[in-house]
């Protein structure tokens, strides 16, 4: 089982990263604003549960690398750390001008919107890379059962994303209007997330 020293830092980082304005949460806001709360919630939950597919890939891929070669796992950590640092630099350089568009979305059943959210997240290669970079650094190999640790972390990430995206869908009208009145509202979130990414990436590269 995960320890509190793993879980709390992981959840704090995951919440900040999920809250940073990006394609997924802006689509959730746009859906909620244009079609209503339940439509926004359905699409948001789909986006969140799409993370489970990336969790499976991370569990299978990272576990296979560890089994194949400790040196290969070290190389994976360095590559993942470099990727997180790059994401951090991109976030720091971002203009932070998040804008939510509403309207123009045809009415669809809630189940269809949920599946569209799952697909939108599951086929995003950037999310695959993110999971392969982000999850392993919260794994403690000395505790054993690395695959099980990765699975628990992936499920935790999915649950917090479902909570946050569900709330975004529910409060989409107010949140979207607030963002549109303040085009640079995402700037400070981007800066915070950028520093978190860089810190996590450097930690992943330097830790043994």
N, C-alpha and C. Protein backbone atom coordinates (compact mmCIF):
# COMPACT_ATOMS: atom_id res chain seq x y z
N UNK A 1 0.84 -1.21 0.00
CA UNK A 1 0.00 0.00 0.00
C UNK A 1 0.86 1.25 0.00
N UNK A 2 0.32 2.32 -0.53
CA UNK A 2 1.04 3.59 -0.54
C UNK A 2 1.12 4.15 0.88
N UNK A 3 2.21 4.87 1.15
CA UNK A 3 2.36 5.54 2.43
C UNK A 3 1.85 6.98 2.30
N UNK A 4 1.62 7.61 3.46
CA UNK A 4 1.18 9.01 3.44
C UNK A 4 2.25 9.92 2.86
N UNK A 5 3.52 9.58 3.06
CA UNK A 5 4.60 10.41 2.50
C UNK A 5 4.63 10.33 0.98
N UNK A 6 4.05 9.29 0.40
CA UNK A 6 3.88 9.22 -1.05
C UNK A 6 2.59 9.90 -1.48
N UNK A 7 1.51 9.61 -0.75
CA UNK A 7 0.18 10.01 -1.20
C UNK A 7 -0.05 11.52 -1.15
N UNK A 8 0.32 12.15 -0.05
CA UNK A 8 0.02 13.58 0.10
C UNK A 8 0.76 14.44 -0.94
N UNK A 9 2.10 14.29 -1.10
CA UNK A 9 2.77 15.08 -2.14
C UNK A 9 2.22 14.79 -3.53
N UNK A 10 1.89 13.52 -3.78
CA UNK A 10 1.35 13.15 -5.09
C UNK A 10 0.02 13.86 -5.34
N UNK A 11 -0.89 13.83 -4.37
CA UNK A 11 -2.19 14.45 -4.55
C UNK A 11 -2.08 15.96 -4.72
N UNK A 12 -1.20 16.59 -3.97
CA UNK A 12 -1.02 18.05 -4.10
C UNK A 12 -0.54 18.41 -5.49
N UNK A 13 0.46 17.67 -5.97
CA UNK A 13 0.99 17.93 -7.32
C UNK A 13 -0.07 17.63 -8.37
N UNK A 14 -0.81 16.53 -8.21
CA UNK A 14 -1.82 16.14 -9.18
C UNK A 14 -2.94 17.18 -9.25
N UNK A 15 -3.39 17.68 -8.10
CA UNK A 15 -4.46 18.68 -8.08
C UNK A 15 -4.02 19.96 -8.79
N UNK A 16 -2.80 20.39 -8.51
CA UNK A 16 -2.32 21.62 -9.16
C UNK A 16 -2.21 21.44 -10.66
N UNK A 17 -1.67 20.30 -11.09
CA UNK A 17 -1.50 20.05 -12.51
C UNK A 17 -2.85 19.94 -13.21
N UNK A 18 -3.82 19.28 -12.58
CA UNK A 18 -5.14 19.11 -13.17
C UNK A 18 -5.87 20.45 -13.26
N UNK A 19 -5.66 21.31 -12.26
CA UNK A 19 -6.36 22.60 -12.24
C UNK A 19 -5.79 23.60 -13.23
N UNK A 20 -4.56 23.39 -13.69
CA UNK A 20 -3.95 24.33 -14.64
C UNK A 20 -4.74 24.32 -15.95
N UNK A 21 -5.15 25.48 -16.46
CA UNK A 21 -5.94 25.51 -17.69
C UNK A 21 -5.24 24.78 -18.83
N UNK A 22 -5.92 23.80 -19.40
CA UNK A 22 -5.39 23.01 -20.49
C UNK A 22 -6.54 22.53 -21.36
N UNK A 23 -6.24 21.75 -22.41
CA UNK A 23 -7.29 21.33 -23.35
C UNK A 23 -8.45 20.61 -22.67
N UNK A 24 -8.16 19.70 -21.74
CA UNK A 24 -9.23 18.91 -21.14
C UNK A 24 -10.20 19.77 -20.33
N UNK A 25 -9.64 20.55 -19.37
CA UNK A 25 -10.58 21.30 -18.52
C UNK A 25 -11.24 22.45 -19.26
N UNK A 26 -10.59 23.01 -20.28
CA UNK A 26 -11.25 24.05 -21.07
C UNK A 26 -12.38 23.46 -21.91
N UNK A 27 -12.20 22.21 -22.41
CA UNK A 27 -13.29 21.55 -23.13
C UNK A 27 -14.46 21.26 -22.19
N UNK A 28 -14.15 20.85 -20.96
CA UNK A 28 -15.20 20.58 -19.98
C UNK A 28 -15.99 21.86 -19.69
N UNK A 29 -15.26 22.96 -19.49
CA UNK A 29 -15.93 24.23 -19.23
C UNK A 29 -16.79 24.66 -20.42
N UNK A 30 -16.23 24.52 -21.63
CA UNK A 30 -16.98 24.89 -22.82
C UNK A 30 -18.25 24.06 -22.98
N UNK A 31 -18.13 22.76 -22.70
CA UNK A 31 -19.30 21.87 -22.80
C UNK A 31 -20.35 22.26 -21.77
N UNK A 32 -19.93 22.51 -20.53
CA UNK A 32 -20.88 22.89 -19.50
C UNK A 32 -21.55 24.22 -19.78
N UNK A 33 -20.80 25.17 -20.31
CA UNK A 33 -21.36 26.48 -20.62
C UNK A 33 -22.37 26.41 -21.76
N UNK A 34 -22.07 25.59 -22.78
CA UNK A 34 -22.91 25.59 -23.97
C UNK A 34 -24.11 24.65 -23.86
N UNK A 35 -23.93 23.53 -23.12
CA UNK A 35 -24.98 22.51 -23.12
C UNK A 35 -25.58 22.22 -21.76
N UNK A 36 -24.98 22.71 -20.70
CA UNK A 36 -25.56 22.50 -19.39
C UNK A 36 -24.66 21.73 -18.45
N UNK A 37 -25.05 21.74 -17.16
CA UNK A 37 -24.21 21.16 -16.12
C UNK A 37 -23.98 19.67 -16.32
N UNK A 38 -25.06 18.91 -16.57
CA UNK A 38 -24.91 17.46 -16.63
C UNK A 38 -24.07 17.04 -17.83
N UNK A 39 -24.19 17.79 -18.93
CA UNK A 39 -23.36 17.50 -20.10
C UNK A 39 -21.89 17.76 -19.80
N UNK A 40 -21.63 18.88 -19.10
CA UNK A 40 -20.25 19.18 -18.71
C UNK A 40 -19.68 18.14 -17.76
N UNK A 41 -20.52 17.70 -16.80
CA UNK A 41 -20.07 16.68 -15.84
C UNK A 41 -19.77 15.36 -16.57
N UNK A 42 -20.67 14.96 -17.49
CA UNK A 42 -20.48 13.69 -18.20
C UNK A 42 -19.19 13.71 -19.01
N UNK A 43 -18.95 14.78 -19.74
CA UNK A 43 -17.74 14.87 -20.55
C UNK A 43 -16.51 14.92 -19.64
N UNK A 44 -16.59 15.66 -18.54
CA UNK A 44 -15.46 15.77 -17.62
C UNK A 44 -15.11 14.45 -16.98
N UNK A 45 -16.13 13.68 -16.57
CA UNK A 45 -15.86 12.37 -15.98
C UNK A 45 -15.23 11.44 -17.00
N UNK A 46 -15.66 11.57 -18.26
CA UNK A 46 -15.04 10.77 -19.31
C UNK A 46 -13.56 11.10 -19.48
N UNK A 47 -13.24 12.39 -19.48
CA UNK A 47 -11.83 12.81 -19.58
C UNK A 47 -11.01 12.24 -18.42
N UNK A 48 -11.61 12.27 -17.23
CA UNK A 48 -10.89 11.78 -16.05
C UNK A 48 -10.65 10.28 -16.14
N UNK A 49 -11.68 9.52 -16.49
CA UNK A 49 -11.54 8.06 -16.51
C UNK A 49 -10.71 7.58 -17.70
N UNK A 50 -10.50 8.46 -18.67
CA UNK A 50 -9.57 8.12 -19.73
C UNK A 50 -8.15 7.94 -19.21
N UNK A 51 -7.87 8.51 -18.03
CA UNK A 51 -6.54 8.37 -17.42
C UNK A 51 -6.24 6.93 -17.04
N UNK A 52 -7.27 6.10 -16.87
CA UNK A 52 -7.03 4.71 -16.49
C UNK A 52 -6.29 3.96 -17.59
N UNK A 53 -6.54 4.33 -18.85
CA UNK A 53 -5.81 3.67 -19.94
C UNK A 53 -4.32 3.99 -19.87
N UNK A 54 -4.00 5.22 -19.50
CA UNK A 54 -2.59 5.61 -19.37
C UNK A 54 -1.96 4.93 -18.15
N UNK A 55 -2.77 4.71 -17.12
CA UNK A 55 -2.27 4.00 -15.94
C UNK A 55 -1.85 2.58 -16.31
N UNK A 56 -2.69 1.90 -17.10
CA UNK A 56 -2.36 0.54 -17.53
C UNK A 56 -1.06 0.53 -18.32
N UNK A 57 -0.91 1.47 -19.24
CA UNK A 57 0.32 1.54 -20.04
C UNK A 57 1.53 1.80 -19.15
N UNK A 58 1.36 2.67 -18.15
CA UNK A 58 2.47 2.96 -17.25
C UNK A 58 2.84 1.74 -16.43
N UNK A 59 1.83 1.02 -15.91
CA UNK A 59 2.09 -0.17 -15.11
C UNK A 59 2.83 -1.22 -15.94
N UNK A 60 2.33 -1.49 -17.14
CA UNK A 60 2.94 -2.51 -17.99
C UNK A 60 4.32 -2.08 -18.47
N UNK A 61 4.41 -0.83 -18.94
CA UNK A 61 5.68 -0.35 -19.50
C UNK A 61 6.78 -0.21 -18.47
N UNK A 62 6.49 0.47 -17.36
CA UNK A 62 7.52 0.70 -16.35
C UNK A 62 7.92 -0.62 -15.69
N UNK A 63 6.95 -1.48 -15.41
CA UNK A 63 7.26 -2.76 -14.79
C UNK A 63 8.15 -3.60 -15.71
N UNK A 64 7.87 -3.56 -17.01
CA UNK A 64 8.68 -4.31 -17.96
C UNK A 64 10.10 -3.78 -18.03
N UNK A 65 10.24 -2.45 -17.99
CA UNK A 65 11.57 -1.84 -18.02
C UNK A 65 12.37 -2.23 -16.79
N UNK A 66 11.72 -2.18 -15.61
CA UNK A 66 12.41 -2.55 -14.36
C UNK A 66 12.86 -4.01 -14.41
N UNK A 67 11.98 -4.87 -14.93
CA UNK A 67 12.32 -6.29 -15.01
C UNK A 67 13.45 -6.54 -16.00
N UNK A 68 13.50 -5.74 -17.06
CA UNK A 68 14.51 -5.95 -18.10
C UNK A 68 15.89 -5.48 -17.67
N UNK A 69 15.97 -4.31 -17.06
CA UNK A 69 17.29 -3.76 -16.76
C UNK A 69 17.17 -2.55 -15.83
N UNK A 70 17.88 -2.56 -14.70
CA UNK A 70 17.93 -1.38 -13.84
C UNK A 70 18.49 -0.17 -14.59
N UNK A 71 19.44 -0.41 -15.50
CA UNK A 71 20.02 0.70 -16.26
C UNK A 71 18.96 1.32 -17.18
N UNK A 72 18.12 0.47 -17.77
CA UNK A 72 17.05 0.99 -18.63
C UNK A 72 16.05 1.81 -17.82
N UNK A 73 15.78 1.38 -16.59
CA UNK A 73 14.86 2.14 -15.73
C UNK A 73 15.46 3.50 -15.39
N UNK A 74 16.77 3.52 -15.15
CA UNK A 74 17.44 4.80 -14.89
C UNK A 74 17.33 5.72 -16.09
N UNK A 75 17.52 5.15 -17.29
CA UNK A 75 17.40 5.94 -18.51
C UNK A 75 15.98 6.47 -18.68
N UNK A 76 14.99 5.63 -18.33
CA UNK A 76 13.59 6.07 -18.40
C UNK A 76 13.34 7.23 -17.44
N UNK A 77 13.91 7.14 -16.23
CA UNK A 77 13.73 8.21 -15.25
C UNK A 77 14.36 9.51 -15.75
N UNK A 78 15.57 9.41 -16.32
CA UNK A 78 16.21 10.62 -16.85
C UNK A 78 15.40 11.24 -17.98
N UNK A 79 14.92 10.37 -18.89
CA UNK A 79 14.11 10.88 -20.00
C UNK A 79 12.82 11.51 -19.48
N UNK A 80 12.19 10.85 -18.51
CA UNK A 80 10.97 11.40 -17.92
C UNK A 80 11.22 12.71 -17.21
N UNK A 81 12.34 12.78 -16.47
CA UNK A 81 12.69 14.02 -15.79
C UNK A 81 12.92 15.17 -16.76
N UNK A 82 13.62 14.87 -17.85
CA UNK A 82 13.87 15.90 -18.87
C UNK A 82 12.56 16.37 -19.49
N UNK A 83 11.62 15.43 -19.69
CA UNK A 83 10.32 15.80 -20.27
C UNK A 83 9.54 16.70 -19.32
N UNK A 84 9.56 16.39 -18.02
CA UNK A 84 8.87 17.23 -17.05
C UNK A 84 9.48 18.62 -16.97
N UNK A 85 10.81 18.70 -17.02
CA UNK A 85 11.48 20.00 -17.01
C UNK A 85 11.05 20.79 -18.24
N UNK A 86 10.99 20.13 -19.39
CA UNK A 86 10.57 20.81 -20.63
C UNK A 86 9.13 21.33 -20.49
N UNK A 87 8.23 20.49 -19.91
CA UNK A 87 6.86 20.95 -19.68
C UNK A 87 6.84 22.18 -18.75
N UNK A 88 7.71 22.15 -17.74
CA UNK A 88 7.78 23.28 -16.81
C UNK A 88 8.23 24.55 -17.49
N UNK A 89 9.24 24.44 -18.33
CA UNK A 89 9.73 25.62 -19.06
C UNK A 89 8.63 26.17 -19.97
N UNK A 90 7.90 25.26 -20.65
CA UNK A 90 6.80 25.69 -21.51
C UNK A 90 5.72 26.41 -20.72
N UNK A 91 5.42 25.90 -19.51
CA UNK A 91 4.40 26.54 -18.68
C UNK A 91 4.86 27.92 -18.21
N UNK A 92 6.14 28.04 -17.86
CA UNK A 92 6.67 29.33 -17.41
C UNK A 92 6.66 30.36 -18.54
N UNK A 93 6.82 29.88 -19.77
CA UNK A 93 6.84 30.79 -20.93
C UNK A 93 5.44 31.09 -21.45
N UNK A 94 4.42 30.38 -20.92
CA UNK A 94 3.06 30.56 -21.41
C UNK A 94 2.55 31.96 -21.11
N UNK A 95 1.70 32.45 -22.01
CA UNK A 95 1.10 33.77 -21.80
C UNK A 95 -0.05 33.70 -20.81
N UNK A 96 -0.54 32.47 -20.55
CA UNK A 96 -1.61 32.29 -19.57
C UNK A 96 -2.94 32.87 -19.98
N UNK A 97 -3.17 33.04 -21.28
CA UNK A 97 -4.43 33.62 -21.74
C UNK A 97 -5.42 32.51 -22.06
N UNK A 98 -6.06 32.00 -21.01
CA UNK A 98 -7.06 30.95 -21.19
C UNK A 98 -8.41 31.58 -21.51
N UNK A 99 -9.07 31.08 -22.55
CA UNK A 99 -10.39 31.59 -22.90
C UNK A 99 -11.30 30.41 -23.21
N UNK A 100 -12.52 30.47 -22.69
CA UNK A 100 -13.46 29.37 -22.84
C UNK A 100 -14.51 29.74 -23.86
N UNK A 101 -14.67 28.91 -24.87
CA UNK A 101 -15.68 29.15 -25.90
C UNK A 101 -16.91 28.30 -25.60
N UNK A 102 -18.07 28.89 -25.72
CA UNK A 102 -19.32 28.15 -25.53
C UNK A 102 -20.12 28.14 -26.81
N UNK A 103 -21.07 27.22 -26.91
CA UNK A 103 -21.93 27.16 -28.08
C UNK A 103 -21.33 26.33 -29.19
N UNK A 104 -22.15 26.02 -30.18
CA UNK A 104 -21.68 25.29 -31.34
C UNK A 104 -21.50 23.80 -31.11
N UNK A 105 -21.96 23.26 -29.97
CA UNK A 105 -21.81 21.83 -29.69
C UNK A 105 -23.17 21.19 -29.80
N UNK A 106 -23.36 20.22 -30.74
CA UNK A 106 -24.68 19.60 -30.88
C UNK A 106 -25.08 18.82 -29.63
N UNK A 107 -26.40 18.76 -29.39
CA UNK A 107 -26.90 18.04 -28.22
C UNK A 107 -26.67 16.55 -28.39
N UNK A 108 -26.14 15.89 -27.36
CA UNK A 108 -25.85 14.46 -27.42
C UNK A 108 -26.20 13.82 -26.09
N UNK A 109 -26.48 12.49 -26.10
CA UNK A 109 -26.77 11.79 -24.84
C UNK A 109 -25.57 11.86 -23.90
N UNK A 110 -25.87 11.78 -22.59
CA UNK A 110 -24.79 11.86 -21.59
C UNK A 110 -23.78 10.74 -21.75
N UNK A 111 -24.26 9.53 -22.08
CA UNK A 111 -23.35 8.40 -22.26
C UNK A 111 -22.40 8.64 -23.42
N UNK A 112 -22.89 9.23 -24.48
CA UNK A 112 -22.04 9.54 -25.64
C UNK A 112 -20.98 10.57 -25.27
N UNK A 113 -21.38 11.59 -24.51
CA UNK A 113 -20.42 12.61 -24.08
C UNK A 113 -19.36 12.01 -23.17
N UNK A 114 -19.76 11.09 -22.28
CA UNK A 114 -18.80 10.42 -21.41
C UNK A 114 -17.77 9.66 -22.24
N UNK A 115 -18.25 8.88 -23.22
CA UNK A 115 -17.33 8.10 -24.06
C UNK A 115 -16.43 9.00 -24.89
N UNK A 116 -16.96 10.14 -25.33
CA UNK A 116 -16.13 11.08 -26.09
C UNK A 116 -15.03 11.65 -25.21
N UNK A 117 -15.35 11.91 -23.94
CA UNK A 117 -14.34 12.39 -23.01
C UNK A 117 -13.26 11.35 -22.77
N UNK A 118 -13.68 10.09 -22.60
CA UNK A 118 -12.71 8.99 -22.42
C UNK A 118 -11.78 8.93 -23.62
N UNK A 119 -12.36 8.96 -24.82
CA UNK A 119 -11.56 8.84 -26.04
C UNK A 119 -10.63 10.02 -26.23
N UNK A 120 -11.13 11.23 -25.95
CA UNK A 120 -10.31 12.44 -26.12
C UNK A 120 -9.06 12.37 -25.25
N UNK A 121 -9.19 11.82 -24.05
CA UNK A 121 -8.04 11.71 -23.15
C UNK A 121 -7.18 10.51 -23.51
N UNK A 122 -7.81 9.38 -23.82
CA UNK A 122 -7.07 8.13 -24.02
C UNK A 122 -6.16 8.17 -25.24
N UNK A 123 -6.54 8.92 -26.29
CA UNK A 123 -5.73 8.93 -27.51
C UNK A 123 -4.73 10.08 -27.54
N UNK A 124 -4.64 10.82 -26.44
CA UNK A 124 -3.72 11.96 -26.40
C UNK A 124 -2.31 11.47 -26.06
N UNK A 125 -1.36 11.48 -27.02
CA UNK A 125 -0.02 10.96 -26.74
C UNK A 125 0.72 11.76 -25.68
N UNK A 126 0.39 13.03 -25.53
CA UNK A 126 1.06 13.84 -24.50
C UNK A 126 0.71 13.35 -23.10
N UNK A 127 -0.52 12.87 -22.92
CA UNK A 127 -0.91 12.35 -21.61
C UNK A 127 -0.19 11.04 -21.32
N UNK A 128 0.02 10.22 -22.36
CA UNK A 128 0.79 8.99 -22.19
C UNK A 128 2.18 9.30 -21.68
N UNK A 129 2.84 10.25 -22.34
CA UNK A 129 4.20 10.64 -21.92
C UNK A 129 4.20 11.21 -20.52
N UNK A 130 3.17 12.00 -20.20
CA UNK A 130 3.09 12.60 -18.88
C UNK A 130 3.00 11.53 -17.80
N UNK A 131 2.13 10.54 -18.00
CA UNK A 131 1.97 9.48 -17.00
C UNK A 131 3.26 8.68 -16.84
N UNK A 132 3.93 8.39 -17.95
CA UNK A 132 5.18 7.64 -17.86
C UNK A 132 6.26 8.44 -17.15
N UNK A 133 6.15 9.76 -17.17
CA UNK A 133 7.14 10.62 -16.51
C UNK A 133 6.76 10.93 -15.07
N UNK A 134 5.47 11.11 -14.81
CA UNK A 134 5.00 11.61 -13.52
C UNK A 134 4.86 10.52 -12.46
N UNK A 135 4.22 9.41 -12.80
CA UNK A 135 3.93 8.38 -11.80
C UNK A 135 5.18 7.73 -11.20
N UNK A 136 6.20 7.37 -12.00
CA UNK A 136 7.33 6.62 -11.43
C UNK A 136 8.07 7.33 -10.31
N UNK A 137 8.06 8.66 -10.29
CA UNK A 137 8.86 9.33 -9.27
C UNK A 137 8.24 9.26 -7.88
N UNK A 138 6.99 8.82 -7.80
CA UNK A 138 6.35 8.65 -6.49
C UNK A 138 6.37 7.18 -6.06
N UNK A 139 7.04 6.35 -6.86
CA UNK A 139 7.18 4.94 -6.52
C UNK A 139 8.42 4.75 -5.66
N UNK A 140 8.30 3.92 -4.63
CA UNK A 140 9.43 3.58 -3.77
C UNK A 140 9.79 2.12 -4.04
N UNK A 141 10.82 1.86 -4.88
CA UNK A 141 11.15 0.48 -5.24
C UNK A 141 11.42 -0.42 -4.03
N UNK A 142 11.96 0.17 -2.95
CA UNK A 142 12.28 -0.63 -1.77
C UNK A 142 11.03 -1.25 -1.14
N UNK A 143 9.85 -0.66 -1.38
CA UNK A 143 8.61 -1.20 -0.83
C UNK A 143 8.11 -2.40 -1.62
N UNK A 144 8.70 -2.62 -2.82
CA UNK A 144 8.28 -3.74 -3.64
C UNK A 144 6.96 -3.48 -4.35
N UNK A 145 6.54 -4.44 -5.18
CA UNK A 145 5.26 -4.36 -5.89
C UNK A 145 5.13 -3.03 -6.65
N UNK A 146 6.13 -2.75 -7.48
CA UNK A 146 6.16 -1.47 -8.20
C UNK A 146 4.91 -1.29 -9.06
N UNK A 147 4.50 -2.35 -9.75
CA UNK A 147 3.31 -2.26 -10.58
C UNK A 147 2.07 -1.89 -9.79
N UNK A 148 1.93 -2.46 -8.59
CA UNK A 148 0.78 -2.17 -7.73
C UNK A 148 0.83 -0.73 -7.26
N UNK A 149 2.03 -0.22 -6.92
CA UNK A 149 2.15 1.18 -6.52
C UNK A 149 1.73 2.10 -7.67
N UNK A 150 2.19 1.79 -8.89
CA UNK A 150 1.83 2.61 -10.05
C UNK A 150 0.32 2.59 -10.28
N UNK A 151 -0.28 1.42 -10.12
CA UNK A 151 -1.73 1.30 -10.32
C UNK A 151 -2.49 2.16 -9.31
N UNK A 152 -2.07 2.13 -8.05
CA UNK A 152 -2.74 2.93 -7.02
C UNK A 152 -2.59 4.43 -7.32
N UNK A 153 -1.40 4.83 -7.73
CA UNK A 153 -1.18 6.24 -8.06
C UNK A 153 -2.05 6.66 -9.24
N UNK A 154 -2.14 5.79 -10.24
CA UNK A 154 -2.98 6.12 -11.40
C UNK A 154 -4.44 6.25 -11.04
N UNK A 155 -4.92 5.37 -10.17
CA UNK A 155 -6.32 5.45 -9.73
C UNK A 155 -6.55 6.71 -8.91
N UNK A 156 -5.60 7.06 -8.05
CA UNK A 156 -5.72 8.30 -7.27
C UNK A 156 -5.79 9.51 -8.19
N UNK A 157 -4.92 9.53 -9.21
CA UNK A 157 -4.93 10.65 -10.16
C UNK A 157 -6.28 10.72 -10.86
N UNK A 158 -6.82 9.56 -11.27
CA UNK A 158 -8.11 9.53 -11.95
C UNK A 158 -9.22 10.06 -11.06
N UNK A 159 -9.23 9.65 -9.79
CA UNK A 159 -10.29 10.07 -8.87
C UNK A 159 -10.26 11.57 -8.60
N UNK A 160 -9.04 12.13 -8.41
CA UNK A 160 -8.99 13.57 -8.16
C UNK A 160 -9.36 14.35 -9.42
N UNK A 161 -9.00 13.81 -10.59
CA UNK A 161 -9.39 14.47 -11.85
C UNK A 161 -10.90 14.40 -12.03
N UNK A 162 -11.52 13.25 -11.68
CA UNK A 162 -12.97 13.12 -11.79
C UNK A 162 -13.68 14.14 -10.88
N UNK A 163 -13.16 14.31 -9.66
CA UNK A 163 -13.75 15.28 -8.73
C UNK A 163 -13.63 16.70 -9.28
N UNK A 164 -12.42 17.05 -9.74
CA UNK A 164 -12.20 18.41 -10.21
C UNK A 164 -12.95 18.69 -11.51
N UNK A 165 -12.90 17.75 -12.46
CA UNK A 165 -13.61 17.95 -13.72
C UNK A 165 -15.12 17.95 -13.51
N UNK A 166 -15.60 17.13 -12.56
CA UNK A 166 -17.03 17.14 -12.26
C UNK A 166 -17.48 18.48 -11.72
N UNK A 167 -16.66 19.05 -10.83
CA UNK A 167 -16.97 20.37 -10.29
C UNK A 167 -16.90 21.44 -11.38
N UNK A 168 -15.91 21.31 -12.27
CA UNK A 168 -15.81 22.27 -13.37
C UNK A 168 -17.05 22.22 -14.25
N UNK A 169 -17.51 20.99 -14.55
CA UNK A 169 -18.71 20.85 -15.35
C UNK A 169 -19.93 21.45 -14.66
N UNK A 170 -20.03 21.23 -13.35
CA UNK A 170 -21.20 21.71 -12.60
C UNK A 170 -21.22 23.24 -12.52
N UNK A 171 -20.05 23.82 -12.27
CA UNK A 171 -19.96 25.28 -12.12
C UNK A 171 -19.44 25.95 -13.39
N UNK A 172 -19.62 25.29 -14.54
CA UNK A 172 -19.01 25.75 -15.79
C UNK A 172 -19.37 27.19 -16.14
N UNK A 173 -20.66 27.55 -15.99
CA UNK A 173 -21.08 28.89 -16.38
C UNK A 173 -20.33 29.97 -15.63
N UNK A 174 -20.29 29.86 -14.30
CA UNK A 174 -19.62 30.88 -13.50
C UNK A 174 -18.11 30.89 -13.70
N UNK A 175 -17.50 29.69 -13.73
CA UNK A 175 -16.04 29.62 -13.90
C UNK A 175 -15.64 30.12 -15.28
N UNK A 176 -16.38 29.71 -16.31
CA UNK A 176 -16.05 30.14 -17.67
C UNK A 176 -16.17 31.64 -17.84
N UNK A 177 -17.24 32.22 -17.29
CA UNK A 177 -17.41 33.67 -17.38
C UNK A 177 -16.29 34.40 -16.64
N UNK A 178 -15.89 33.87 -15.49
CA UNK A 178 -14.81 34.48 -14.72
C UNK A 178 -13.50 34.45 -15.50
N UNK A 179 -13.21 33.30 -16.14
CA UNK A 179 -11.99 33.19 -16.94
C UNK A 179 -12.02 34.15 -18.12
N UNK A 180 -13.18 34.26 -18.77
CA UNK A 180 -13.27 35.12 -19.94
C UNK A 180 -13.14 36.59 -19.58
N UNK A 181 -13.57 36.96 -18.36
CA UNK A 181 -13.40 38.35 -17.92
C UNK A 181 -11.95 38.65 -17.53
N UNK A 182 -11.21 37.60 -17.22
CA UNK A 182 -9.81 37.76 -16.81
C UNK A 182 -8.96 36.85 -17.69
N UNK A 183 -8.61 37.31 -18.93
CA UNK A 183 -7.90 36.45 -19.87
C UNK A 183 -6.57 35.91 -19.35
N UNK A 184 -5.96 36.60 -18.39
CA UNK A 184 -4.67 36.13 -17.87
C UNK A 184 -4.82 35.39 -16.55
N UNK A 185 -6.07 34.91 -16.27
CA UNK A 185 -6.29 34.24 -14.98
C UNK A 185 -5.46 32.98 -14.84
N UNK A 186 -5.16 32.33 -15.98
CA UNK A 186 -4.36 31.11 -15.93
C UNK A 186 -2.88 31.34 -15.77
N UNK A 187 -2.45 32.61 -15.80
CA UNK A 187 -1.02 32.91 -15.78
C UNK A 187 -0.34 32.38 -14.53
N UNK A 188 -0.92 32.68 -13.36
CA UNK A 188 -0.26 32.27 -12.12
C UNK A 188 -0.35 30.77 -11.90
N UNK A 189 -1.44 30.16 -12.34
CA UNK A 189 -1.52 28.71 -12.28
C UNK A 189 -0.45 28.08 -13.17
N UNK A 190 -0.26 28.66 -14.36
CA UNK A 190 0.80 28.17 -15.25
C UNK A 190 2.17 28.31 -14.60
N UNK A 191 2.40 29.44 -13.94
CA UNK A 191 3.70 29.65 -13.30
C UNK A 191 3.92 28.63 -12.18
N UNK A 192 2.89 28.45 -11.35
CA UNK A 192 3.00 27.47 -10.27
C UNK A 192 3.23 26.06 -10.81
N UNK A 193 2.44 25.70 -11.82
CA UNK A 193 2.59 24.37 -12.40
C UNK A 193 3.97 24.22 -13.04
N UNK A 194 4.46 25.27 -13.67
CA UNK A 194 5.78 25.21 -14.29
C UNK A 194 6.87 24.93 -13.27
N UNK A 195 6.79 25.61 -12.13
CA UNK A 195 7.79 25.37 -11.08
C UNK A 195 7.68 23.96 -10.51
N UNK A 196 6.42 23.47 -10.40
CA UNK A 196 6.23 22.10 -9.91
C UNK A 196 6.82 21.10 -10.90
N UNK A 197 6.54 21.28 -12.19
CA UNK A 197 7.08 20.39 -13.21
C UNK A 197 8.60 20.35 -13.17
N UNK A 198 9.21 21.53 -13.11
CA UNK A 198 10.67 21.59 -13.11
C UNK A 198 11.24 20.94 -11.86
N UNK A 199 10.61 21.22 -10.71
CA UNK A 199 11.08 20.61 -9.47
C UNK A 199 10.97 19.10 -9.50
N UNK A 200 9.83 18.59 -9.98
CA UNK A 200 9.65 17.15 -10.07
C UNK A 200 10.62 16.52 -11.06
N UNK A 201 10.83 17.21 -12.20
CA UNK A 201 11.75 16.68 -13.20
C UNK A 201 13.17 16.59 -12.68
N UNK A 202 13.63 17.63 -11.99
CA UNK A 202 14.99 17.62 -11.43
C UNK A 202 15.11 16.55 -10.35
N UNK A 203 14.06 16.40 -9.55
CA UNK A 203 14.07 15.37 -8.51
C UNK A 203 14.19 13.98 -9.14
N UNK A 204 13.44 13.77 -10.23
CA UNK A 204 13.47 12.47 -10.89
C UNK A 204 14.83 12.19 -11.50
N UNK A 205 15.48 13.22 -12.04
CA UNK A 205 16.79 13.03 -12.67
C UNK A 205 17.88 12.75 -11.63
N UNK A 206 17.80 13.44 -10.48
CA UNK A 206 18.90 13.36 -9.50
C UNK A 206 18.74 12.24 -8.48
N UNK A 207 17.51 11.77 -8.25
CA UNK A 207 17.35 10.76 -7.19
C UNK A 207 17.90 9.41 -7.65
N UNK A 208 18.37 8.64 -6.69
CA UNK A 208 18.93 7.33 -6.99
C UNK A 208 17.92 6.24 -6.69
